[in-house]
PDB file of N, CA and C in Angstrom:
ATOM      1  N   MET A   1      20.132  98.615  20.708  1.00  0.00           N
ATOM      2  CA  MET A   1      21.123  98.528  19.662  1.00  0.00           C
ATOM      3  C   MET A   1      21.679  97.105  19.596  1.00  0.00           C
ATOM      4  N   ILE A   2      21.800  96.593  18.385  1.00  0.00           N
ATOM      5  CA  ILE A   2      22.349  95.262  18.176  1.00  0.00           C
ATOM      6  C   ILE A   2      23.797  95.396  17.718  1.00  0.00           C
ATOM      7  N   GLN A   3      24.668  94.591  18.343  1.00  0.00           N
ATOM      8  CA  GLN A   3      26.087  94.615  18.001  1.00  0.00           C
ATOM      9  C   GLN A   3      26.545  93.198  17.672  1.00  0.00           C
ATOM     10  N   LEU A   4      27.335  93.071  16.606  1.00  0.00           N
ATOM     11  CA  LEU A   4      27.946  91.800  16.248  1.00  0.00           C
ATOM     12  C   LEU A   4      29.456  91.947  16.435  1.00  0.00           C
ATOM     13  N   ILE A   5      30.029  91.075  17.245  1.00  0.00           N
ATOM     14  CA  ILE A   5      31.475  91.110  17.482  1.00  0.00           C
ATOM     15  C   ILE A   5      32.074  89.853  16.864  1.00  0.00           C
ATOM     16  N   TYR A   6      33.014  90.054  15.954  1.00  0.00           N
ATOM     17  CA  TYR A   6      33.664  88.946  15.247  1.00  0.00           C
ATOM     18  C   TYR A   6      35.101  88.836  15.730  1.00  0.00           C
ATOM     19  N   PHE A   7      35.424  87.734  16.395  1.00  0.00           N
ATOM     20  CA  PHE A   7      36.780  87.502  16.898  1.00  0.00           C
ATOM     21  C   PHE A   7      37.549  86.702  15.857  1.00  0.00           C
ATOM     22  N   THR A   8      38.699  87.216  15.462  1.00  0.00           N
ATOM     23  CA  THR A   8      39.495  86.598  14.417  1.00  0.00           C
ATOM     24  C   THR A   8      40.972  86.648  14.782  1.00  0.00           C
ATOM     25  N   GLY A   9      41.771  85.943  14.012  1.00  0.00           N
ATOM     26  CA  GLY A   9      43.213  85.961  14.223  1.00  0.00           C
ATOM     27  C   GLY A   9      43.935  85.791  12.896  1.00  0.00           C
ATOM     28  N   LYS A  10      45.160  86.234  12.847  1.00  0.00           N
ATOM     29  CA  LYS A  10      45.932  86.196  11.604  1.00  0.00           C
ATOM     30  C   LYS A  10      46.188  84.775  11.114  1.00  0.00           C
ATOM     31  N   THR A  11      46.239  83.809  12.023  1.00  0.00           N
ATOM     32  CA  THR A  11      46.544  82.432  11.637  1.00  0.00           C
ATOM     33  C   THR A  11      45.296  81.560  11.490  1.00  0.00           C
ATOM     34  N   CYS A  12      44.126  82.149  11.587  1.00  0.00           N
ATOM     35  CA  CYS A  12      42.865  81.396  11.514  1.00  0.00           C
ATOM     36  C   CYS A  12      42.410  81.288  10.057  1.00  0.00           C
ATOM     37  N   GLY A  13      42.567  80.103   9.488  1.00  0.00           N
ATOM     38  CA  GLY A  13      42.175  79.883   8.096  1.00  0.00           C
ATOM     39  C   GLY A  13      40.671  80.009   7.871  1.00  0.00           C
ATOM     40  N   VAL A  14      39.886  79.469   8.795  1.00  0.00           N
ATOM     41  CA  VAL A  14      38.428  79.552   8.683  1.00  0.00           C
ATOM     42  C   VAL A  14      37.986  81.012   8.707  1.00  0.00           C
ATOM     43  N   CYS A  15      38.623  81.806   9.558  1.00  0.00           N
ATOM     44  CA  CYS A  15      38.283  83.231   9.676  1.00  0.00           C
ATOM     45  C   CYS A  15      38.456  83.948   8.335  1.00  0.00           C
ATOM     46  N   LYS A  16      39.548  83.625   7.650  1.00  0.00           N
ATOM     47  CA  LYS A  16      39.847  84.299   6.387  1.00  0.00           C
ATOM     48  C   LYS A  16      38.783  84.032   5.338  1.00  0.00           C
ATOM     49  N   VAL A  17      38.189  82.839   5.378  1.00  0.00           N
ATOM     50  CA  VAL A  17      37.141  82.483   4.417  1.00  0.00           C
ATOM     51  C   VAL A  17      35.785  83.019   4.866  1.00  0.00           C
ATOM     52  N   LEU A  18      35.482  82.860   6.143  1.00  0.00           N
ATOM     53  CA  LEU A  18      34.157  83.191   6.661  1.00  0.00           C
ATOM     54  C   LEU A  18      33.932  84.695   6.844  1.00  0.00           C
ATOM     55  N   LYS A  19      34.949  85.396   7.326  1.00  0.00           N
ATOM     56  CA  LYS A  19      34.770  86.811   7.692  1.00  0.00           C
ATOM     57  C   LYS A  19      34.200  87.674   6.572  1.00  0.00           C
ATOM     58  N   PRO A  20      34.793  87.679   5.368  1.00  0.00           N
ATOM     59  CA  PRO A  20      34.234  88.562   4.334  1.00  0.00           C
ATOM     60  C   PRO A  20      32.802  88.210   3.947  1.00  0.00           C
ATOM     61  N   LYS A  21      32.492  86.925   3.898  1.00  0.00           N
ATOM     62  CA  LYS A  21      31.131  86.490   3.544  1.00  0.00           C
ATOM     63  C   LYS A  21      30.131  86.931   4.607  1.00  0.00           C
ATOM     64  N   LEU A  22      30.494  86.697   5.859  1.00  0.00           N
ATOM     65  CA  LEU A  22      29.593  87.025   6.967  1.00  0.00           C
ATOM     66  C   LEU A  22      29.381  88.533   7.085  1.00  0.00           C
ATOM     67  N   LEU A  23      30.464  89.294   7.071  1.00  0.00           N
ATOM     68  CA  LEU A  23      30.345  90.737   7.244  1.00  0.00           C
ATOM     69  C   LEU A  23      29.560  91.371   6.099  1.00  0.00           C
ATOM     70  N   GLU A  24      29.787  90.898   4.885  1.00  0.00           N
ATOM     71  CA  GLU A  24      29.035  91.422   3.736  1.00  0.00           C
ATOM     72  C   GLU A  24      27.544  91.111   3.869  1.00  0.00           C
ATOM     73  N   ALA A  25      27.224  89.879   4.263  1.00  0.00           N
ATOM     74  CA  ALA A  25      25.824  89.479   4.419  1.00  0.00           C
ATOM     75  C   ALA A  25      25.135  90.285   5.516  1.00  0.00           C
ATOM     76  N   VAL A  26      25.834  90.516   6.620  1.00  0.00           N
ATOM     77  CA  VAL A  26      25.240  91.285   7.730  1.00  0.00           C
ATOM     78  C   VAL A  26      25.017  92.732   7.302  1.00  0.00           C
ATOM     79  N   GLN A  27      26.020  93.334   6.669  1.00  0.00           N
ATOM     80  CA  GLN A  27      25.884  94.737   6.231  1.00  0.00           C
ATOM     81  C   GLN A  27      24.760  94.897   5.213  1.00  0.00           C
ATOM     82  N   GLU A  28      24.615  93.902   4.352  1.00  0.00           N
ATOM     83  CA  GLU A  28      23.590  93.954   3.306  1.00  0.00           C
ATOM     84  C   GLU A  28      22.184  93.798   3.883  1.00  0.00           C
ATOM     85  N   ASN A  29      22.026  92.850   4.806  1.00  0.00           N
ATOM     86  CA  ASN A  29      20.702  92.523   5.344  1.00  0.00           C
ATOM     87  C   ASN A  29      20.320  93.288   6.601  1.00  0.00           C
ATOM     88  N   PHE A  30      21.315  93.714   7.372  1.00  0.00           N
ATOM     89  CA  PHE A  30      21.065  94.406   8.639  1.00  0.00           C
ATOM     90  C   PHE A  30      21.978  95.616   8.755  1.00  0.00           C
ATOM     91  N   PRO A  31      21.737  96.655   7.960  1.00  0.00           N
ATOM     92  CA  PRO A  31      22.643  97.812   7.942  1.00  0.00           C
ATOM     93  C   PRO A  31      22.745  98.556   9.270  1.00  0.00           C
ATOM     94  N   LYS A  32      21.782  98.385  10.160  1.00  0.00           N
ATOM     95  CA  LYS A  32      21.812  99.094  11.439  1.00  0.00           C
ATOM     96  C   LYS A  32      22.619  98.363  12.512  1.00  0.00           C
ATOM     97  N   VAL A  33      23.029  97.122  12.224  1.00  0.00           N
ATOM     98  CA  VAL A  33      23.808  96.354  13.194  1.00  0.00           C
ATOM     99  C   VAL A  33      25.227  96.920  13.248  1.00  0.00           C
ATOM    100  N   ASN A  34      25.677  97.177  14.460  1.00  0.00           N
ATOM    101  CA  ASN A  34      27.037  97.689  14.695  1.00  0.00           C
ATOM    102  C   ASN A  34      27.992  96.498  14.679  1.00  0.00           C
ATOM    103  N   ILE A  35      28.971  96.517  13.765  1.00  0.00           N
ATOM    104  CA  ILE A  35      29.914  95.404  13.635  1.00  0.00           C
ATOM    105  C   ILE A  35      31.268  95.807  14.200  1.00  0.00           C
ATOM    106  N   ARG A  36      31.824  94.926  15.011  1.00  0.00           N
ATOM    107  CA  ARG A  36      33.177  95.133  15.547  1.00  0.00           C
ATOM    108  C   ARG A  36      34.003  93.890  15.255  1.00  0.00           C
ATOM    109  N   VAL A  37      35.132  94.073  14.606  1.00  0.00           N
ATOM    110  CA  VAL A  37      36.045  92.969  14.332  1.00  0.00           C
ATOM    111  C   VAL A  37      37.192  93.061  15.332  1.00  0.00           C
ATOM    112  N   VAL A  38      37.422  91.968  16.051  1.00  0.00           N
ATOM    113  CA  VAL A  38      38.446  91.939  17.087  1.00  0.00           C
ATOM    114  C   VAL A  38      39.546  90.970  16.677  1.00  0.00           C
ATOM    115  N   ASP A  39      40.764  91.479  16.548  1.00  0.00           N
ATOM    116  CA  ASP A  39      41.930  90.628  16.328  1.00  0.00           C
ATOM    117  C   ASP A  39      42.401  90.179  17.706  1.00  0.00           C
ATOM    118  N   VAL A  40      42.318  88.878  17.966  1.00  0.00           N
ATOM    119  CA  VAL A  40      42.588  88.370  19.313  1.00  0.00           C
ATOM    120  C   VAL A  40      44.037  88.608  19.748  1.00  0.00           C
ATOM    121  N   GLU A  41      44.941  88.728  18.784  1.00  0.00           N
ATOM    122  CA  GLU A  41      46.343  88.959  19.124  1.00  0.00           C
ATOM    123  C   GLU A  41      46.596  90.417  19.519  1.00  0.00           C
ATOM    124  N   GLU A  42      45.762  91.312  19.030  1.00  0.00           N
ATOM    125  CA  GLU A  42      45.920  92.729  19.342  1.00  0.00           C
ATOM    126  C   GLU A  42      45.083  93.159  20.540  1.00  0.00           C
ATOM    127  N   GLU A  43      43.958  92.503  20.758  1.00  0.00           N
ATOM    128  CA  GLU A  43      43.058  92.870  21.855  1.00  0.00           C
ATOM    129  C   GLU A  43      42.938  91.693  22.827  1.00  0.00           C
ATOM    130  N   VAL A  44      44.056  91.320  23.411  1.00  0.00           N
ATOM    131  CA  VAL A  44      44.133  90.149  24.281  1.00  0.00           C
ATOM    132  C   VAL A  44      43.218  90.284  25.497  1.00  0.00           C
ATOM    133  N   GLU A  45      43.243  91.447  26.124  1.00  0.00           N
ATOM    134  CA  GLU A  45      42.447  91.643  27.342  1.00  0.00           C
ATOM    135  C   GLU A  45      40.944  91.534  27.051  1.00  0.00           C
ATOM    136  N   PHE A  46      40.478  92.209  25.995  1.00  0.00           N
ATOM    137  CA  PHE A  46      39.055  92.153  25.638  1.00  0.00           C
ATOM    138  C   PHE A  46      38.655  90.726  25.263  1.00  0.00           C
ATOM    139  N   THR A  47      39.547  90.021  24.562  1.00  0.00           N
ATOM    140  CA  THR A  47      39.280  88.631  24.170  1.00  0.00           C
ATOM    141  C   THR A  47      39.085  87.769  25.420  1.00  0.00           C
ATOM    142  N   GLY A  48      39.954  87.928  26.401  1.00  0.00           N
ATOM    143  CA  GLY A  48      39.839  87.171  27.648  1.00  0.00           C
ATOM    144  C   GLY A  48      38.579  87.514  28.419  1.00  0.00           C
ATOM    145  N   GLN A  49      38.277  88.797  28.491  1.00  0.00           N
ATOM    146  CA  GLN A  49      37.063  89.237  29.195  1.00  0.00           C
ATOM    147  C   GLN A  49      35.812  88.674  28.519  1.00  0.00           C
ATOM    148  N   SER A  50      35.897  88.460  27.215  1.00  0.00           N
ATOM    149  CA  SER A  50      34.759  87.936  26.451  1.00  0.00           C
ATOM    150  C   SER A  50      34.704  86.410  26.473  1.00  0.00           C
ATOM    151  N   MET A  51      35.672  85.789  27.192  1.00  0.00           N
ATOM    152  CA  MET A  51      35.724  84.326  27.319  1.00  0.00           C
ATOM    153  C   MET A  51      35.824  83.640  25.953  1.00  0.00           C
ATOM    154  N   VAL A  52      36.694  84.163  25.108  1.00  0.00           N
ATOM    155  CA  VAL A  52      36.912  83.587  23.792  1.00  0.00           C
ATOM    156  C   VAL A  52      38.189  82.755  23.841  1.00  0.00           C
ATOM    157  N   PHE A  53      38.053  81.447  23.553  1.00  0.00           N
ATOM    158  CA  PHE A  53      39.183  80.527  23.657  1.00  0.00           C
ATOM    159  C   PHE A  53      39.436  79.753  22.370  1.00  0.00           C
ATOM    160  N   THR A  54      38.644  80.009  21.336  1.00  0.00           N
ATOM    161  CA  THR A  54      38.786  79.345  20.049  1.00  0.00           C
ATOM    162  C   THR A  54      38.439  80.354  18.967  1.00  0.00           C
ATOM    163  N   LEU A  55      38.696  80.013  17.727  1.00  0.00           N
ATOM    164  CA  LEU A  55      38.367  80.918  16.623  1.00  0.00           C
ATOM    165  C   LEU A  55      37.709  80.143  15.489  1.00  0.00           C
ATOM    166  N   PRO A  56      36.885  80.771  14.710  1.00  0.00           N
ATOM    167  CA  PRO A  56      36.327  82.104  14.926  1.00  0.00           C
ATOM    168  C   PRO A  56      35.204  82.063  15.960  1.00  0.00           C
ATOM    169  N   VAL A  57      34.910  83.219  16.521  1.00  0.00           N
ATOM    170  CA  VAL A  57      33.790  83.376  17.446  1.00  0.00           C
ATOM    171  C   VAL A  57      33.019  84.620  17.043  1.00  0.00           C
ATOM    172  N   VAL A  58      31.698  84.482  17.017  1.00  0.00           N
ATOM    173  CA  VAL A  58      30.821  85.620  16.776  1.00  0.00           C
ATOM    174  C   VAL A  58      29.898  85.739  17.974  1.00  0.00           C
ATOM    175  N   ILE A  59      29.849  86.931  18.541  1.00  0.00           N
ATOM    176  CA  ILE A  59      28.934  87.204  19.648  1.00  0.00           C
ATOM    177  C   ILE A  59      27.953  88.271  19.186  1.00  0.00           C
ATOM    178  N   ILE A  60      26.683  88.013  19.403  1.00  0.00           N
ATOM    179  CA  ILE A  60      25.649  88.995  19.078  1.00  0.00           C
ATOM    180  C   ILE A  60      25.103  89.523  20.397  1.00  0.00           C
ATOM    181  N   LYS A  61      25.159  90.841  20.542  1.00  0.00           N
ATOM    182  CA  LYS A  61      24.656  91.493  21.748  1.00  0.00           C
ATOM    183  C   LYS A  61      23.493  92.405  21.389  1.00  0.00           C
ATOM    184  N   ALA A  62      22.548  92.490  22.306  1.00  0.00           N
ATOM    185  CA  ALA A  62      21.447  93.440  22.179  1.00  0.00           C
ATOM    186  C   ALA A  62      21.431  94.251  23.467  1.00  0.00           C
ATOM    187  N   ASP A  63      21.536  95.555  23.333  1.00  0.00           N
ATOM    188  CA  ASP A  63      21.571  96.447  24.494  1.00  0.00           C
ATOM    189  C   ASP A  63      22.621  96.004  25.508  1.00  0.00           C
ATOM    190  N   ASP A  64      23.816  95.676  25.021  1.00  0.00           N
ATOM    191  CA  ASP A  64      24.977  95.275  25.822  1.00  0.00           C
ATOM    192  C   ASP A  64      24.829  93.946  26.545  1.00  0.00           C
ATOM    193  N   ARG A  65      23.824  93.162  26.196  1.00  0.00           N
ATOM    194  CA  ARG A  65      23.656  91.820  26.773  1.00  0.00           C
ATOM    195  C   ARG A  65      23.933  90.778  25.701  1.00  0.00           C
ATOM    196  N   GLU A  66      24.766  89.795  26.031  1.00  0.00           N
ATOM    197  CA  GLU A  66      25.039  88.743  25.051  1.00  0.00           C
ATOM    198  C   GLU A  66      23.785  87.902  24.837  1.00  0.00           C
ATOM    199  N   MET A  67      23.388  87.795  23.573  1.00  0.00           N
ATOM    200  CA  MET A  67      22.189  87.033  23.231  1.00  0.00           C
ATOM    201  C   MET A  67      22.537  85.698  22.572  1.00  0.00           C
ATOM    202  N   TYR A  68      23.546  85.725  21.694  1.00  0.00           N
ATOM    203  CA  TYR A  68      23.937  84.519  20.970  1.00  0.00           C
ATOM    204  C   TYR A  68      25.449  84.479  20.834  1.00  0.00           C
ATOM    205  N   ARG A  69      25.986  83.257  20.797  1.00  0.00           N
ATOM    206  CA  ARG A  69      27.420  83.061  20.606  1.00  0.00           C
ATOM    207  C   ARG A  69      27.604  81.881  19.657  1.00  0.00           C
ATOM    208  N   PHE A  70      28.430  82.098  18.661  1.00  0.00           N
ATOM    209  CA  PHE A  70      28.769  81.055  17.698  1.00  0.00           C
ATOM    210  C   PHE A  70      30.270  80.834  17.775  1.00  0.00           C
ATOM    211  N   ALA A  71      30.688  79.577  17.814  1.00  0.00           N
ATOM    212  CA  ALA A  71      32.120  79.284  17.908  1.00  0.00           C
ATOM    213  C   ALA A  71      32.487  78.136  16.970  1.00  0.00           C
ATOM    214  N   ARG A  72      33.666  78.245  16.395  1.00  0.00           N
ATOM    215  CA  ARG A  72      34.293  77.258  15.528  1.00  0.00           C
ATOM    216  C   ARG A  72      33.535  76.991  14.239  1.00  0.00           C
ATOM    217  N   SER A  73      32.531  76.123  14.267  1.00  0.00           N
ATOM    218  CA  SER A  73      31.851  75.782  13.009  1.00  0.00           C
ATOM    219  C   SER A  73      30.398  76.247  13.054  1.00  0.00           C
ATOM    220  N   PHE A  74      30.110  77.222  12.214  1.00  0.00           N
ATOM    221  CA  PHE A  74      28.761  77.761  12.091  1.00  0.00           C
ATOM    222  C   PHE A  74      28.642  78.360  10.705  1.00  0.00           C
ATOM    223  N   SER A  75      27.426  78.589  10.290  1.00  0.00           N
ATOM    224  CA  SER A  75      27.214  79.117   8.944  1.00  0.00           C
ATOM    225  C   SER A  75      26.771  80.578   8.989  1.00  0.00           C
ATOM    226  N   VAL A  76      26.951  81.238   7.881  1.00  0.00           N
ATOM    227  CA  VAL A  76      26.475  82.613   7.739  1.00  0.00           C
ATOM    228  C   VAL A  76      24.972  82.635   7.967  1.00  0.00           C
ATOM    229  N   TYR A  77      24.277  81.633   7.442  1.00  0.00           N
ATOM    230  CA  TYR A  77      22.822  81.564   7.579  1.00  0.00           C
ATOM    231  C   TYR A  77      22.391  81.531   9.047  1.00  0.00           C
ATOM    232  N   GLU A  78      23.104  80.762   9.880  1.00  0.00           N
ATOM    233  CA  GLU A  78      22.747  80.678  11.306  1.00  0.00           C
ATOM    234  C   GLU A  78      22.821  82.052  11.976  1.00  0.00           C
ATOM    235  N   VAL A  79      23.876  82.793  11.669  1.00  0.00           N
ATOM    236  CA  VAL A  79      24.055  84.124  12.254  1.00  0.00           C
ATOM    237  C   VAL A  79      22.957  85.063  11.768  1.00  0.00           C
ATOM    238  N   LEU A  80      22.680  85.039  10.464  1.00  0.00           N
ATOM    239  CA  LEU A  80      21.638  85.910   9.906  1.00  0.00           C
ATOM    240  C   LEU A  80      20.272  85.582  10.504  1.00  0.00           C
ATOM    241  N   ASP A  81      20.014  84.308  10.738  1.00  0.00           N
ATOM    242  CA  ASP A  81      18.739  83.892  11.326  1.00  0.00           C
ATOM    243  C   ASP A  81      18.556  84.489  12.721  1.00  0.00           C
ATOM    244  N   LYS A  82      19.598  84.449  13.534  1.00  0.00           N
ATOM    245  CA  LYS A  82      19.505  85.012  14.887  1.00  0.00           C
ATOM    246  C   LYS A  82      19.368  86.538  14.837  1.00  0.00           C
ATOM    247  N   LEU A  83      20.069  87.172  13.908  1.00  0.00           N
ATOM    248  CA  LEU A  83      19.938  88.629  13.757  1.00  0.00           C
ATOM    249  C   LEU A  83      18.514  89.000  13.337  1.00  0.00           C
ATOM    250  N   LYS A  84      17.933  88.191  12.483  1.00  0.00           N
ATOM    251  CA  LYS A  84      16.554  88.433  12.037  1.00  0.00           C
ATOM    252  C   LYS A  84      15.595  88.360  13.225  1.00  0.00           C
ATOM    253  N   ARG A  85      15.800  87.361  14.071  1.00  0.00           N
ATOM    254  CA  ARG A  85      14.951  87.226  15.267  1.00  0.00           C
ATOM    255  C   ARG A  85      15.098  88.431  16.181  1.00  0.00           C
ATOM    256  N   LEU A  86      16.344  88.820  16.437  1.00  0.00           N
ATOM    257  CA  LEU A  86      16.592  89.955  17.327  1.00  0.00           C
ATOM    258  C   LEU A  86      16.038  91.250  16.744  1.00  0.00           C
ATOM    259  N   SER A  87      16.209  91.451  15.456  1.00  0.00           N
ATOM    260  CA  SER A  87      15.712  92.669  14.811  1.00  0.00           C
ATOM    261  C   SER A  87      14.195  92.739  14.927  1.00  0.00           C
ATOM    262  N   GLY A  88      13.542  91.606  14.758  1.00  0.00           N
ATOM    263  CA  GLY A  88      12.088  91.564  14.895  1.00  0.00           C
ATOM    264  C   GLY A  88      11.642  91.880  16.308  1.00  0.00           C
ATOM    265  N   GLU A  89      12.365  91.349  17.303  1.00  0.00           N
ATOM    266  CA  GLU A  89      12.035  91.614  18.701  1.00  0.00           C
ATOM    267  C   GLU A  89      12.241  93.082  19.030  1.00  0.00           C
ATOM    268  N   GLN A  90      13.318  93.678  18.517  1.00  0.00           N
ATOM    269  CA  GLN A  90      13.588  95.086  18.820  1.00  0.00           C
ATOM    270  C   GLN A  90      12.521  95.995  18.202  1.00  0.00           C
ATOM    271  N   GLN A  91      12.036  95.619  17.009  1.00  0.00           N
ATOM    272  CA  GLN A  91      10.985  96.433  16.389  1.00  0.00           C
ATOM    273  C   GLN A  91       9.695  96.358  17.199  1.00  0.00           C
ATOM    274  N   LEU A  92       9.419  95.182  17.771  1.00  0.00           N
ATOM    275  CA  LEU A  92       8.235  95.033  18.594  1.00  0.00           C
ATOM    276  C   LEU A  92       8.333  95.865  19.866  1.00  0.00           C
ATOM    277  N   ASN A  93       9.537  95.947  20.418  1.00  0.00           N
ATOM    278  CA  ASN A  93       9.751  96.678  21.674  1.00  0.00           C
ATOM    279  C   ASN A  93       9.861  98.177  21.481  1.00  0.00           C
ATOM    280  N   SER A  94      10.001  98.628  20.262  1.00  0.00           N
ATOM    281  CA  SER A  94      10.180 100.076  20.021  1.00  0.00           C
ATOM    282  C   SER A  94       8.877 100.827  20.139  1.00  0.00           C
TER     283      SER A  94
END
């Protein structure tokens, strides 16, 4: 199972612009990917355990293992590209 975790905060301007674009693109292109949005102010402990110290951060996990991490400045395309690679690998392993 592939999971995308998006760490955001109420005061993060980049998050407000990037989040809707990214989540829509992921849902459209990878409907089987499990998406979790984490508000760092509400889930402080999980944020710390995930070693998130800046915003926004996107972590892509496959079978509960972190495969990719994007922080601060990244594009929707970069995230989709990594998801495409992981999806292809998972289909090969199935």
